[in-house]
Amino acid sequence: MAVRTCEACWKAPVTAVRHTAGGRDLLCRECAEGGCPRRVDLFPPYVIYRLHRSGN
């Protein structure tokens, strides 16, 4: 499944690709030009929803 929404703002459609040492970031033009980091890197899924892994 392809990413269609900007990985930084999660609102605009992807129109730019930024290549990094870890792969690539799929961003909208505004976020790419502004140098915005991907939210996936800033807020991993377990932190966003305040979930934690169970002890089992």
C-alpha atoms as a PDB file:
ATOM      1  CA  MET A   1       0.000   0.000   0.000  1.00  0.00           C
ATOM      2  CA  ALA A   2       1.425   3.362  -1.008  1.00  0.00           C
ATOM      3  CA  VAL A   3       1.517   6.370   1.307  1.00  0.00           C
ATOM      4  CA  ARG A   4      -0.705   9.135  -0.052  1.00  0.00           C
ATOM      5  CA  THR A   5      -0.678  11.584   2.851  1.00  0.00           C
ATOM      6  CA  CYS A   6       2.290  13.697   3.950  1.00  0.00           C
ATOM      7  CA  GLU A   7       4.250  11.995   6.734  1.00  0.00           C
ATOM      8  CA  ALA A   8       4.944  15.360   8.428  1.00  0.00           C
ATOM      9  CA  CYS A   9       1.580  17.187   8.538  1.00  0.00           C
ATOM     10  CA  TRP A  10      -0.727  14.198   7.905  1.00  0.00           C
ATOM     11  CA  LYS A  11      -3.071  16.494   5.940  1.00  0.00           C
ATOM     12  CA  ALA A  12      -1.808  17.271   2.440  1.00  0.00           C
ATOM     13  CA  PRO A  13      -1.208  14.779  -0.366  1.00  0.00           C
ATOM     14  CA  VAL A  14       2.357  13.614  -1.060  1.00  0.00           C
ATOM     15  CA  THR A  15       4.062  15.689  -3.739  1.00  0.00           C
ATOM     16  CA  ALA A  16       7.740  15.436  -2.749  1.00  0.00           C
ATOM     17  CA  VAL A  17      10.233  12.780  -1.735  1.00  0.00           C
ATOM     18  CA  ARG A  18      13.165  13.548   0.564  1.00  0.00           C
ATOM     19  CA  HIS A  19      15.920  10.936   0.548  1.00  0.00           C
ATOM     20  CA  THR A  20      17.587  10.301   3.901  1.00  0.00           C
ATOM     21  CA  ALA A  21      20.160   7.899   5.275  1.00  0.00           C
ATOM     22  CA  GLY A  22      17.319   5.771   6.663  1.00  0.00           C
ATOM     23  CA  GLY A  23      15.311   5.640   3.443  1.00  0.00           C
ATOM     24  CA  ARG A  24      12.876   8.224   2.145  1.00  0.00           C
ATOM     25  CA  ASP A  25      10.308  10.652   3.510  1.00  0.00           C
ATOM     26  CA  LEU A  26       7.067  11.207   1.598  1.00  0.00           C
ATOM     27  CA  LEU A  27       6.024  14.820   2.121  1.00  0.00           C
ATOM     28  CA  CYS A  28       3.864  17.590   0.722  1.00  0.00           C
ATOM     29  CA  ARG A  29       5.698  20.445  -0.951  1.00  0.00           C
ATOM     30  CA  GLU A  30       5.271  22.851   1.972  1.00  0.00           C
ATOM     31  CA  CYS A  31       6.723  20.422   4.527  1.00  0.00           C
ATOM     32  CA  ALA A  32       9.563  19.435   2.198  1.00  0.00           C
ATOM     33  CA  GLU A  33      10.545  23.070   1.583  1.00  0.00           C
ATOM     34  CA  GLY A  34      10.206  23.879   5.298  1.00  0.00           C
ATOM     35  CA  GLY A  35      12.419  20.953   6.342  1.00  0.00           C
ATOM     36  CA  CYS A  36       9.722  19.487   8.590  1.00  0.00           C
ATOM     37  CA  PRO A  37      10.531  16.132  10.223  1.00  0.00           C
ATOM     38  CA  ARG A  38       8.230  13.159   9.820  1.00  0.00           C
ATOM     39  CA  ARG A  39       5.782  12.834  12.702  1.00  0.00           C
ATOM     40  CA  VAL A  40       6.266   9.094  12.618  1.00  0.00           C
ATOM     41  CA  ASP A  41       9.806   9.704  13.882  1.00  0.00           C
ATOM     42  CA  LEU A  42       8.746  12.252  16.507  1.00  0.00           C
ATOM     43  CA  PHE A  43       5.724  10.387  17.870  1.00  0.00           C
ATOM     44  CA  PRO A  44       5.944   6.600  17.556  1.00  0.00           C
ATOM     45  CA  PRO A  45       2.521   4.893  17.577  1.00  0.00           C
ATOM     46  CA  TYR A  46       2.748   3.684  21.194  1.00  0.00           C
ATOM     47  CA  VAL A  47       3.400   7.223  22.424  1.00  0.00           C
ATOM     48  CA  ILE A  48       0.616   8.805  20.365  1.00  0.00           C
ATOM     49  CA  TYR A  49      -2.069   6.623  21.892  1.00  0.00           C
ATOM     50  CA  ARG A  50      -0.296   6.298  25.236  1.00  0.00           C
ATOM     51  CA  LEU A  51      -0.324   2.562  24.942  1.00  0.00           C
ATOM     52  CA  HIS A  52       2.385   0.342  26.259  1.00  0.00           C
ATOM     53  CA  ARG A  53       3.342  -3.184  25.488  1.00  0.00           C
ATOM     54  CA  SER A  54       1.855  -5.723  27.821  1.00  0.00           C
ATOM     55  CA  GLY A  55       4.123  -7.717  30.115  1.00  0.00           C
ATOM     56  CA  ASN A  56       2.904 -11.011  28.630  1.00  0.00           C
END
